[in-house]
Each structure stands twice: as C-alpha cells, then as structure tokens.
C-alpha cells in the first residue's frame, strides 16, 4: 500500500503518520509543533487517534496471549515507540481523558434524569 492510499480529505501529516503506525514520525512532528486538535473531514484528530492507540495497548499488557487484529498487532509490535509518544503527551492525554470522562458523565446524567 502506497503512503497516500489511505489519506482522508483534510489529513495532516501527523494523522498520516499515525494511520501508518509510525509513532517515531508522529513524535517528531509533535515536537516540531504539529497540531493535536486539527480534525480531518471525518472528524478525526490526532489526540483521539493517539488516545485510542493508548487504550488498545493498555488492554493488551506485555505478555498477553490474546488473539489480536492485524492493526492491533502493529501497535503491539511498536509498543516502546508508542510509549515514548504517550510520555511526550502525558499532560495532553490526561486532559483529553478528563474531558471525555466529563462528557460521558454528563450524557449519562441527562439520560437517567
């Protein structure tokens, strides 16, 4: 598959790097000032993609023998590189988690009132 075969309208280079499982390139782009919040036409943004990758890695601890998809397999293979990316974005990921949690709690309160 060629590099730009999976590009969505409005993708940034950071989203392309993340979609191609290249956490080292993503880290370099972030350190150079790439936006974490700029969304493409599918409403994907880098922070959400990185958060999702972190969730998958947390669901599959080192040594886990569960069967995984091809995409998850690529994430697990690059675990150390992704952990470096997560470390670089610790504050941003924590704030994103808090925002997601507050939104979910608000929706649940509204639903059950």
N, C-alpha and C. Protein backbone atom coordinates (compact mmCIF):
# COMPACT_ATOMS: atom_id res chain seq x y z
N UNK A 1 0.85 -1.17 0.00
CA UNK A 1 0.00 0.00 0.00
C UNK A 1 0.90 1.24 0.00
N UNK A 2 0.64 2.16 -0.91
CA UNK A 2 1.42 3.39 -1.01
C UNK A 2 1.06 4.32 0.15
N UNK A 3 1.97 5.21 0.45
CA UNK A 3 1.82 6.10 1.59
C UNK A 3 0.51 6.88 1.57
N UNK A 4 0.11 7.39 0.43
CA UNK A 4 -1.07 8.25 0.39
C UNK A 4 -2.33 7.54 -0.08
N UNK A 5 -2.33 6.21 -0.12
CA UNK A 5 -3.53 5.46 -0.49
C UNK A 5 -4.63 5.58 0.55
N UNK A 6 -4.28 5.84 1.79
CA UNK A 6 -5.26 5.87 2.87
C UNK A 6 -5.47 7.27 3.43
N UNK A 7 -5.24 8.28 2.63
CA UNK A 7 -5.38 9.66 3.09
C UNK A 7 -6.84 10.09 2.97
N UNK A 8 -7.31 10.76 4.01
CA UNK A 8 -8.67 11.31 4.06
C UNK A 8 -8.56 12.81 3.82
N UNK A 9 -9.55 13.38 3.16
CA UNK A 9 -9.55 14.82 2.91
C UNK A 9 -9.34 15.58 4.21
N UNK A 10 -8.37 16.47 4.22
CA UNK A 10 -8.09 17.27 5.40
C UNK A 10 -7.07 16.66 6.34
N UNK A 11 -6.51 15.50 6.00
CA UNK A 11 -5.49 14.89 6.85
C UNK A 11 -4.27 15.79 6.97
N UNK A 12 -3.71 15.81 8.15
CA UNK A 12 -2.42 16.45 8.37
C UNK A 12 -1.35 15.37 8.28
N UNK A 13 -0.11 15.79 8.19
CA UNK A 13 0.98 14.80 8.15
C UNK A 13 0.99 13.97 9.43
N UNK A 14 0.59 14.58 10.54
CA UNK A 14 0.54 13.84 11.80
C UNK A 14 -0.49 12.71 11.72
N UNK A 15 -1.66 12.99 11.18
CA UNK A 15 -2.67 11.93 11.04
C UNK A 15 -2.19 10.84 10.08
N UNK A 16 -1.51 11.22 9.01
CA UNK A 16 -0.97 10.23 8.08
C UNK A 16 0.05 9.34 8.79
N UNK A 17 0.94 9.95 9.57
CA UNK A 17 1.94 9.17 10.31
C UNK A 17 1.26 8.20 11.28
N UNK A 18 0.25 8.65 11.98
CA UNK A 18 -0.45 7.79 12.94
C UNK A 18 -1.19 6.67 12.23
N UNK A 19 -1.81 6.96 11.11
CA UNK A 19 -2.56 5.94 10.37
C UNK A 19 -1.62 4.87 9.82
N UNK A 20 -0.37 5.25 9.58
CA UNK A 20 0.61 4.29 9.06
C UNK A 20 1.49 3.71 10.18
N UNK A 21 1.01 3.79 11.40
CA UNK A 21 1.69 3.19 12.56
C UNK A 21 3.16 3.62 12.63
N UNK A 22 3.38 4.94 12.61
CA UNK A 22 4.74 5.48 12.69
C UNK A 22 4.84 6.45 13.87
N UNK A 23 4.91 5.90 15.10
CA UNK A 23 4.93 6.76 16.27
C UNK A 23 6.19 7.63 16.36
N UNK A 24 7.30 7.18 15.78
CA UNK A 24 8.52 7.99 15.82
C UNK A 24 8.34 9.25 14.97
N UNK A 25 7.77 9.10 13.79
CA UNK A 25 7.49 10.26 12.94
C UNK A 25 6.48 11.17 13.62
N UNK A 26 5.46 10.58 14.23
CA UNK A 26 4.44 11.37 14.94
C UNK A 26 5.08 12.18 16.06
N UNK A 27 5.97 11.56 16.83
CA UNK A 27 6.65 12.26 17.91
C UNK A 27 7.47 13.42 17.37
N UNK A 28 8.19 13.19 16.28
CA UNK A 28 9.00 14.26 15.67
C UNK A 28 8.11 15.41 15.19
N UNK A 29 6.99 15.09 14.56
CA UNK A 29 6.08 16.13 14.08
C UNK A 29 5.50 16.94 15.25
N UNK A 30 5.16 16.26 16.33
CA UNK A 30 4.61 16.95 17.51
C UNK A 30 5.66 17.87 18.12
N UNK A 31 6.89 17.39 18.20
CA UNK A 31 7.97 18.22 18.76
C UNK A 31 8.24 19.44 17.89
N UNK A 32 7.89 19.35 16.60
CA UNK A 32 8.06 20.49 15.69
C UNK A 32 6.82 21.38 15.66
N UNK A 33 5.80 21.04 16.45
CA UNK A 33 4.65 21.91 16.58
C UNK A 33 3.39 21.49 15.85
N UNK A 34 3.32 20.25 15.38
CA UNK A 34 2.11 19.77 14.70
C UNK A 34 0.91 19.85 15.64
N UNK A 35 -0.23 20.25 15.10
CA UNK A 35 -1.46 20.39 15.89
C UNK A 35 -2.01 19.03 16.29
N UNK A 36 -2.41 18.93 17.55
CA UNK A 36 -3.03 17.71 18.06
C UNK A 36 -4.55 17.74 17.92
N UNK A 37 -5.09 18.89 17.59
CA UNK A 37 -6.54 19.04 17.61
C UNK A 37 -7.16 19.31 16.24
N UNK A 38 -6.36 19.51 15.22
CA UNK A 38 -6.88 19.79 13.88
C UNK A 38 -7.51 18.53 13.30
N UNK A 39 -8.80 18.60 12.99
CA UNK A 39 -9.55 17.43 12.50
C UNK A 39 -9.59 17.39 10.98
N UNK A 40 -9.71 16.17 10.44
CA UNK A 40 -9.90 15.99 9.00
C UNK A 40 -11.40 15.97 8.70
N UNK A 41 -11.76 15.67 7.45
CA UNK A 41 -13.17 15.69 7.05
C UNK A 41 -14.01 14.60 7.72
N UNK A 42 -13.36 13.59 8.29
CA UNK A 42 -14.06 12.53 9.02
C UNK A 42 -14.12 12.82 10.52
N UNK A 43 -13.72 14.03 10.89
CA UNK A 43 -13.71 14.47 12.28
C UNK A 43 -12.72 13.70 13.14
N UNK A 44 -11.68 13.14 12.53
CA UNK A 44 -10.59 12.50 13.28
C UNK A 44 -9.59 13.59 13.66
N UNK A 45 -9.08 13.50 14.87
CA UNK A 45 -7.98 14.39 15.23
C UNK A 45 -6.88 13.56 15.87
N UNK A 46 -5.64 14.03 15.77
CA UNK A 46 -4.51 13.23 16.27
C UNK A 46 -4.62 12.82 17.73
N UNK A 47 -5.10 13.71 18.58
CA UNK A 47 -5.18 13.37 20.00
C UNK A 47 -6.10 12.18 20.24
N UNK A 48 -7.23 12.13 19.54
CA UNK A 48 -8.15 10.99 19.67
C UNK A 48 -7.50 9.71 19.16
N UNK A 49 -6.80 9.79 18.03
CA UNK A 49 -6.14 8.61 17.46
C UNK A 49 -5.08 8.09 18.42
N UNK A 50 -4.31 8.99 19.00
CA UNK A 50 -3.26 8.60 19.96
C UNK A 50 -3.89 8.01 21.21
N UNK A 51 -4.97 8.62 21.70
CA UNK A 51 -5.67 8.11 22.89
C UNK A 51 -6.20 6.70 22.63
N UNK A 52 -6.76 6.48 21.44
CA UNK A 52 -7.27 5.15 21.09
C UNK A 52 -6.15 4.12 21.05
N UNK A 53 -4.99 4.51 20.51
CA UNK A 53 -3.84 3.60 20.48
C UNK A 53 -3.40 3.26 21.91
N UNK A 54 -3.41 4.26 22.79
CA UNK A 54 -3.03 4.02 24.18
C UNK A 54 -4.01 3.05 24.84
N UNK A 55 -5.30 3.21 24.56
CA UNK A 55 -6.31 2.31 25.14
C UNK A 55 -6.07 0.87 24.68
N UNK A 56 -5.76 0.68 23.42
CA UNK A 56 -5.50 -0.67 22.90
C UNK A 56 -4.29 -1.27 23.59
N UNK A 57 -3.23 -0.49 23.74
CA UNK A 57 -2.03 -1.02 24.39
C UNK A 57 -2.28 -1.34 25.86
N UNK A 58 -3.12 -0.54 26.52
CA UNK A 58 -3.43 -0.82 27.93
C UNK A 58 -4.30 -2.07 28.07
N UNK A 59 -5.09 -2.37 27.05
CA UNK A 59 -5.93 -3.58 27.08
C UNK A 59 -5.13 -4.84 26.79
N UNK A 60 -3.92 -4.68 26.26
CA UNK A 60 -3.06 -5.82 25.91
C UNK A 60 -1.69 -5.64 26.57
N UNK A 61 -1.59 -5.95 27.86
CA UNK A 61 -0.31 -5.79 28.56
C UNK A 61 0.77 -6.69 27.94
N UNK A 62 2.01 -6.34 28.21
CA UNK A 62 3.14 -7.14 27.72
C UNK A 62 2.95 -8.58 28.16
N UNK A 63 3.15 -9.52 27.25
CA UNK A 63 3.00 -10.93 27.56
C UNK A 63 1.59 -11.46 27.37
N UNK A 64 0.65 -10.59 27.04
CA UNK A 64 -0.73 -11.00 26.80
C UNK A 64 -0.76 -11.93 25.59
N UNK A 65 -1.47 -13.02 25.69
CA UNK A 65 -1.50 -14.01 24.61
C UNK A 65 -2.82 -14.02 23.84
N UNK A 66 -3.68 -13.03 24.08
CA UNK A 66 -4.95 -12.96 23.35
C UNK A 66 -4.68 -12.79 21.86
N UNK A 67 -5.60 -13.32 21.07
CA UNK A 67 -5.51 -13.10 19.63
C UNK A 67 -5.89 -11.66 19.34
N UNK A 68 -5.14 -11.01 18.44
CA UNK A 68 -5.40 -9.60 18.12
C UNK A 68 -5.52 -9.42 16.61
N UNK A 69 -6.13 -8.30 16.23
CA UNK A 69 -6.26 -7.98 14.81
C UNK A 69 -4.90 -7.57 14.24
N UNK A 70 -4.84 -7.46 12.93
CA UNK A 70 -3.59 -7.05 12.28
C UNK A 70 -3.19 -5.64 12.73
N UNK A 71 -4.16 -4.74 12.83
CA UNK A 71 -3.86 -3.37 13.27
C UNK A 71 -3.34 -3.37 14.71
N UNK A 72 -4.00 -4.11 15.59
CA UNK A 72 -3.54 -4.19 16.98
C UNK A 72 -2.16 -4.81 17.05
N UNK A 73 -1.89 -5.78 16.19
CA UNK A 73 -0.59 -6.43 16.15
C UNK A 73 0.51 -5.42 15.82
N UNK A 74 0.23 -4.52 14.90
CA UNK A 74 1.22 -3.49 14.54
C UNK A 74 1.46 -2.55 15.71
N UNK A 75 0.40 -2.19 16.42
CA UNK A 75 0.55 -1.34 17.60
C UNK A 75 1.41 -2.03 18.66
N UNK A 76 1.10 -3.29 18.92
CA UNK A 76 1.82 -4.03 19.95
C UNK A 76 3.29 -4.21 19.59
N UNK A 77 3.58 -4.39 18.31
CA UNK A 77 4.96 -4.56 17.85
C UNK A 77 5.77 -3.29 18.12
N UNK A 78 5.12 -2.13 18.04
CA UNK A 78 5.80 -0.85 18.24
C UNK A 78 5.53 -0.26 19.62
N UNK A 79 5.26 -1.12 20.59
CA UNK A 79 4.88 -0.68 21.93
C UNK A 79 5.85 0.35 22.51
N UNK A 80 7.14 0.12 22.45
CA UNK A 80 8.11 1.04 23.05
C UNK A 80 8.04 2.42 22.42
N UNK A 81 7.90 2.46 21.10
CA UNK A 81 7.81 3.74 20.40
C UNK A 81 6.51 4.48 20.77
N UNK A 82 5.42 3.72 20.88
CA UNK A 82 4.16 4.35 21.28
C UNK A 82 4.23 4.84 22.73
N UNK A 83 4.88 4.09 23.60
CA UNK A 83 5.01 4.52 25.00
C UNK A 83 5.78 5.84 25.08
N UNK A 84 6.78 6.01 24.21
CA UNK A 84 7.52 7.27 24.17
C UNK A 84 6.59 8.41 23.73
N UNK A 85 5.77 8.14 22.73
CA UNK A 85 4.79 9.13 22.27
C UNK A 85 3.82 9.49 23.39
N UNK A 86 3.31 8.49 24.11
CA UNK A 86 2.39 8.75 25.22
C UNK A 86 3.06 9.58 26.31
N UNK A 87 4.33 9.28 26.58
CA UNK A 87 5.08 10.01 27.59
C UNK A 87 5.24 11.48 27.18
N UNK A 88 5.51 11.71 25.91
CA UNK A 88 5.65 13.07 25.39
C UNK A 88 4.36 13.86 25.57
N UNK A 89 3.23 13.18 25.46
CA UNK A 89 1.91 13.83 25.50
C UNK A 89 1.14 13.55 26.79
N UNK A 90 1.84 13.23 27.86
CA UNK A 90 1.18 12.84 29.11
C UNK A 90 0.11 13.85 29.54
N UNK A 91 0.46 15.13 29.60
CA UNK A 91 -0.49 16.15 30.06
C UNK A 91 -1.68 16.27 29.12
N UNK A 92 -1.41 16.26 27.83
CA UNK A 92 -2.48 16.41 26.84
C UNK A 92 -3.43 15.22 26.88
N UNK A 93 -2.87 14.01 27.02
CA UNK A 93 -3.70 12.81 27.08
C UNK A 93 -4.53 12.77 28.36
N UNK A 94 -3.95 13.21 29.47
CA UNK A 94 -4.70 13.25 30.74
C UNK A 94 -5.85 14.24 30.63
N UNK A 95 -5.60 15.41 30.04
CA UNK A 95 -6.66 16.41 29.87
C UNK A 95 -7.74 15.89 28.92
N UNK A 96 -7.34 15.21 27.86
CA UNK A 96 -8.29 14.64 26.91
C UNK A 96 -9.17 13.61 27.60
N UNK A 97 -8.55 12.75 28.42
CA UNK A 97 -9.30 11.74 29.17
C UNK A 97 -10.31 12.39 30.10
N UNK A 98 -9.88 13.41 30.82
CA UNK A 98 -10.78 14.10 31.74
C UNK A 98 -11.96 14.71 31.00
N UNK A 99 -11.70 15.29 29.82
CA UNK A 99 -12.78 15.89 29.03
C UNK A 99 -13.75 14.81 28.55
N UNK A 100 -13.23 13.69 28.05
CA UNK A 100 -14.08 12.59 27.58
C UNK A 100 -14.92 12.04 28.72
N UNK A 101 -14.30 11.89 29.89
CA UNK A 101 -15.00 11.37 31.06
C UNK A 101 -16.13 12.30 31.48
N UNK A 102 -15.85 13.60 31.50
CA UNK A 102 -16.87 14.58 31.89
C UNK A 102 -18.04 14.57 30.91
N UNK A 103 -17.73 14.47 29.61
CA UNK A 103 -18.79 14.42 28.60
C UNK A 103 -19.65 13.16 28.77
N UNK A 104 -19.02 12.03 29.01
CA UNK A 104 -19.77 10.78 29.19
C UNK A 104 -20.64 10.84 30.44
N UNK A 105 -20.08 11.37 31.53
CA UNK A 105 -20.86 11.50 32.75
C UNK A 105 -22.05 12.44 32.55
N UNK A 106 -21.83 13.54 31.83
CA UNK A 106 -22.92 14.47 31.54
C UNK A 106 -24.02 13.83 30.72
N UNK A 107 -23.63 13.05 29.71
CA UNK A 107 -24.62 12.36 28.88
C UNK A 107 -25.41 11.34 29.68
N UNK A 108 -24.73 10.62 30.57
CA UNK A 108 -25.41 9.63 31.41
C UNK A 108 -26.38 10.30 32.38
N UNK A 109 -25.95 11.42 32.97
CA UNK A 109 -26.86 12.14 33.88
C UNK A 109 -28.11 12.59 33.14
N UNK A 110 -27.91 13.13 31.94
CA UNK A 110 -29.03 13.60 31.13
C UNK A 110 -29.95 12.43 30.77
N UNK A 111 -29.38 11.30 30.43
CA UNK A 111 -30.14 10.12 30.03
C UNK A 111 -30.97 9.57 31.17
N UNK A 112 -30.43 9.57 32.38
CA UNK A 112 -31.11 8.93 33.51
C UNK A 112 -31.84 9.91 34.43
N UNK A 113 -32.02 11.13 34.00
CA UNK A 113 -32.77 12.09 34.83
C UNK A 113 -34.25 11.97 34.58
